[in-house]
N, C-alpha and C. Protein backbone atom coordinates (compact mmCIF):
# COMPACT_ATOMS: atom_id res chain seq x y z
N MET A 1 -79.08 -304.35 46.43
CA MET A 1 -78.00 -304.73 46.56
C MET A 1 -77.08 -303.35 46.84
N LEU A 2 -76.35 -303.43 47.02
CA LEU A 2 -75.65 -302.37 47.11
C LEU A 2 -74.48 -302.58 45.60
N SER A 3 -74.41 -301.35 45.17
CA SER A 3 -73.55 -301.47 43.97
C SER A 3 -72.60 -300.58 43.76
N LEU A 4 -70.93 -300.91 44.22
CA LEU A 4 -70.14 -299.04 43.51
C LEU A 4 -69.60 -299.20 42.73
N LYS A 5 -69.76 -298.09 42.11
CA LYS A 5 -69.15 -297.60 41.25
C LYS A 5 -67.88 -296.98 41.21
N PRO A 6 -67.02 -297.18 40.42
CA PRO A 6 -65.88 -296.90 40.51
C PRO A 6 -65.53 -295.46 40.30
N ALA A 7 -64.49 -294.66 40.90
CA ALA A 7 -64.40 -293.11 40.40
C ALA A 7 -64.30 -292.89 38.62
N PRO A 8 -64.28 -292.34 38.16
CA PRO A 8 -64.25 -291.85 37.18
C PRO A 8 -62.29 -291.55 37.06
N VAL A 9 -62.04 -292.22 35.23
CA VAL A 9 -61.07 -291.75 35.44
C VAL A 9 -60.40 -290.21 35.03
N THR A 10 -59.93 -289.70 35.28
CA THR A 10 -59.00 -288.24 35.03
C THR A 10 -57.56 -288.31 35.06
N THR A 11 -57.32 -287.36 34.29
CA THR A 11 -55.85 -286.81 34.07
C THR A 11 -54.99 -286.90 34.99
N ASP A 12 -55.35 -286.41 36.01
CA ASP A 12 -54.78 -286.30 37.44
C ASP A 12 -54.38 -288.21 38.02
N LEU A 13 -55.72 -288.80 38.08
CA LEU A 13 -55.09 -289.94 38.51
C LEU A 13 -54.35 -290.89 37.28
N LEU A 14 -54.23 -290.65 36.03
CA LEU A 14 -53.75 -290.58 35.76
C LEU A 14 -52.32 -291.29 35.78
N ARG A 15 -51.53 -289.38 36.24
CA ARG A 15 -50.68 -288.88 36.45
C ARG A 15 -49.75 -289.34 38.08
N ARG A 16 -50.96 -290.56 38.52
CA ARG A 16 -50.37 -290.97 39.59
C ARG A 16 -49.64 -292.31 39.35
N VAL A 17 -49.76 -292.67 37.60
CA VAL A 17 -49.11 -294.10 37.56
C VAL A 17 -47.68 -293.50 36.70
N PRO A 18 -46.64 -293.74 37.28
CA PRO A 18 -45.36 -293.26 36.94
C PRO A 18 -45.25 -293.69 35.21
N VAL A 19 -45.58 -294.45 34.42
CA VAL A 19 -45.14 -294.74 33.13
C VAL A 19 -46.12 -293.21 32.31
N PHE A 20 -47.26 -292.94 33.17
CA PHE A 20 -48.05 -292.04 32.05
C PHE A 20 -47.52 -290.38 32.96
N ALA A 21 -47.26 -290.29 33.91
CA ALA A 21 -47.19 -289.00 34.53
C ALA A 21 -46.19 -287.69 33.72
N HIS A 22 -45.64 -288.12 32.78
CA HIS A 22 -45.08 -287.13 32.18
C HIS A 22 -45.41 -286.75 30.44
N LEU A 23 -46.62 -287.89 30.27
CA LEU A 23 -47.32 -287.46 29.17
C LEU A 23 -47.97 -286.39 29.30
N PRO A 24 -48.13 -285.58 27.93
CA PRO A 24 -48.78 -284.03 27.61
C PRO A 24 -50.42 -284.55 28.30
N GLU A 25 -51.32 -283.24 28.42
CA GLU A 25 -52.51 -283.61 28.88
C GLU A 25 -53.64 -284.12 28.07
N ALA A 26 -53.07 -283.57 26.69
CA ALA A 26 -53.87 -283.44 25.40
C ALA A 26 -53.97 -285.44 25.14
N LYS A 27 -52.57 -286.49 25.48
CA LYS A 27 -52.75 -287.53 25.45
C LYS A 27 -53.50 -287.94 26.65
N LEU A 28 -53.15 -287.52 27.98
CA LEU A 28 -53.86 -288.73 28.50
C LEU A 28 -55.62 -288.09 28.45
N GLU A 29 -55.68 -287.07 28.06
CA GLU A 29 -57.29 -287.31 27.62
C GLU A 29 -57.82 -288.09 26.19
N TRP A 30 -56.98 -287.86 25.73
CA TRP A 30 -57.15 -289.68 24.21
C TRP A 30 -57.07 -290.47 24.96
N MET A 31 -56.23 -291.03 25.61
CA MET A 31 -56.64 -292.42 26.61
C MET A 31 -57.63 -292.68 27.22
N ILE A 32 -58.17 -291.45 27.96
CA ILE A 32 -59.26 -291.64 28.83
C ILE A 32 -60.41 -292.14 27.53
N ALA A 33 -60.58 -291.09 27.00
CA ALA A 33 -61.54 -290.96 25.62
C ALA A 33 -61.09 -292.49 24.96
N GLN A 34 -60.54 -292.75 24.60
CA GLN A 34 -60.68 -294.17 24.11
C GLN A 34 -60.06 -295.50 24.85
N GLY A 35 -60.19 -295.61 25.97
CA GLY A 35 -59.93 -296.80 26.76
C GLY A 35 -60.96 -297.10 27.63
N LYS A 36 -60.81 -298.56 28.36
CA LYS A 36 -61.69 -298.62 29.04
C LYS A 36 -61.35 -299.59 30.87
N ALA A 37 -62.27 -298.72 31.56
CA ALA A 37 -61.75 -299.29 32.80
C ALA A 37 -61.61 -300.63 32.95
N VAL A 38 -61.07 -301.30 33.36
CA VAL A 38 -61.47 -302.61 33.82
C VAL A 38 -60.60 -302.89 35.17
N LYS A 39 -61.73 -303.58 36.38
CA LYS A 39 -61.76 -303.47 37.64
C LYS A 39 -60.64 -305.42 37.06
N ILE A 40 -59.59 -305.66 38.01
CA ILE A 40 -58.92 -307.24 37.59
C ILE A 40 -58.40 -307.65 39.77
N PRO A 41 -59.24 -308.34 39.64
CA PRO A 41 -58.77 -308.88 41.22
C PRO A 41 -58.09 -309.01 41.55
N SER A 42 -57.72 -308.75 42.99
CA SER A 42 -55.73 -309.47 42.97
C SER A 42 -55.33 -310.35 43.18
N GLY A 43 -54.80 -310.66 41.97
CA GLY A 43 -53.82 -312.05 41.85
C GLY A 43 -54.24 -312.19 40.22
N GLY A 44 -55.16 -311.21 39.81
CA GLY A 44 -55.65 -311.40 38.90
C GLY A 44 -54.79 -311.38 37.57
N LEU A 45 -55.52 -311.83 36.13
CA LEU A 45 -54.78 -311.91 34.94
C LEU A 45 -55.53 -310.97 34.12
N LEU A 46 -54.90 -309.66 33.45
CA LEU A 46 -55.71 -309.39 32.13
C LEU A 46 -55.56 -310.16 30.74
N ARG A 47 -53.97 -310.74 30.65
CA ARG A 47 -53.60 -311.42 29.78
C ARG A 47 -52.44 -312.48 29.98
N ALA A 48 -52.59 -313.55 29.88
CA ALA A 48 -51.77 -314.87 30.09
C ALA A 48 -50.81 -314.63 28.87
N GLU A 49 -49.45 -315.08 29.24
CA GLU A 49 -48.61 -315.92 28.16
C GLU A 49 -49.54 -316.72 27.29
N GLY A 50 -48.73 -316.21 26.07
CA GLY A 50 -49.53 -317.51 25.07
C GLY A 50 -50.84 -316.30 24.06
N ASP A 51 -51.46 -315.78 25.03
CA ASP A 51 -52.77 -315.05 24.71
C ASP A 51 -52.83 -314.35 23.27
N LEU A 52 -53.66 -314.26 22.60
CA LEU A 52 -53.64 -313.45 21.45
C LEU A 52 -53.74 -312.12 21.81
N ALA A 53 -53.38 -311.09 21.01
CA ALA A 53 -53.09 -309.70 21.52
C ALA A 53 -54.63 -308.85 21.05
């Protein structure tokens, strides 16, 4: 079975997202260290209205 692993998240990748584009390098590095990449299928939801935060 073929399994494709996503490319690692980098500060350059995050800078492609407009909301992150102007954040300092240190903040982007912190986000990468603290965060977790999640793949959501097209049309899928990460959270829905009424879900607990």
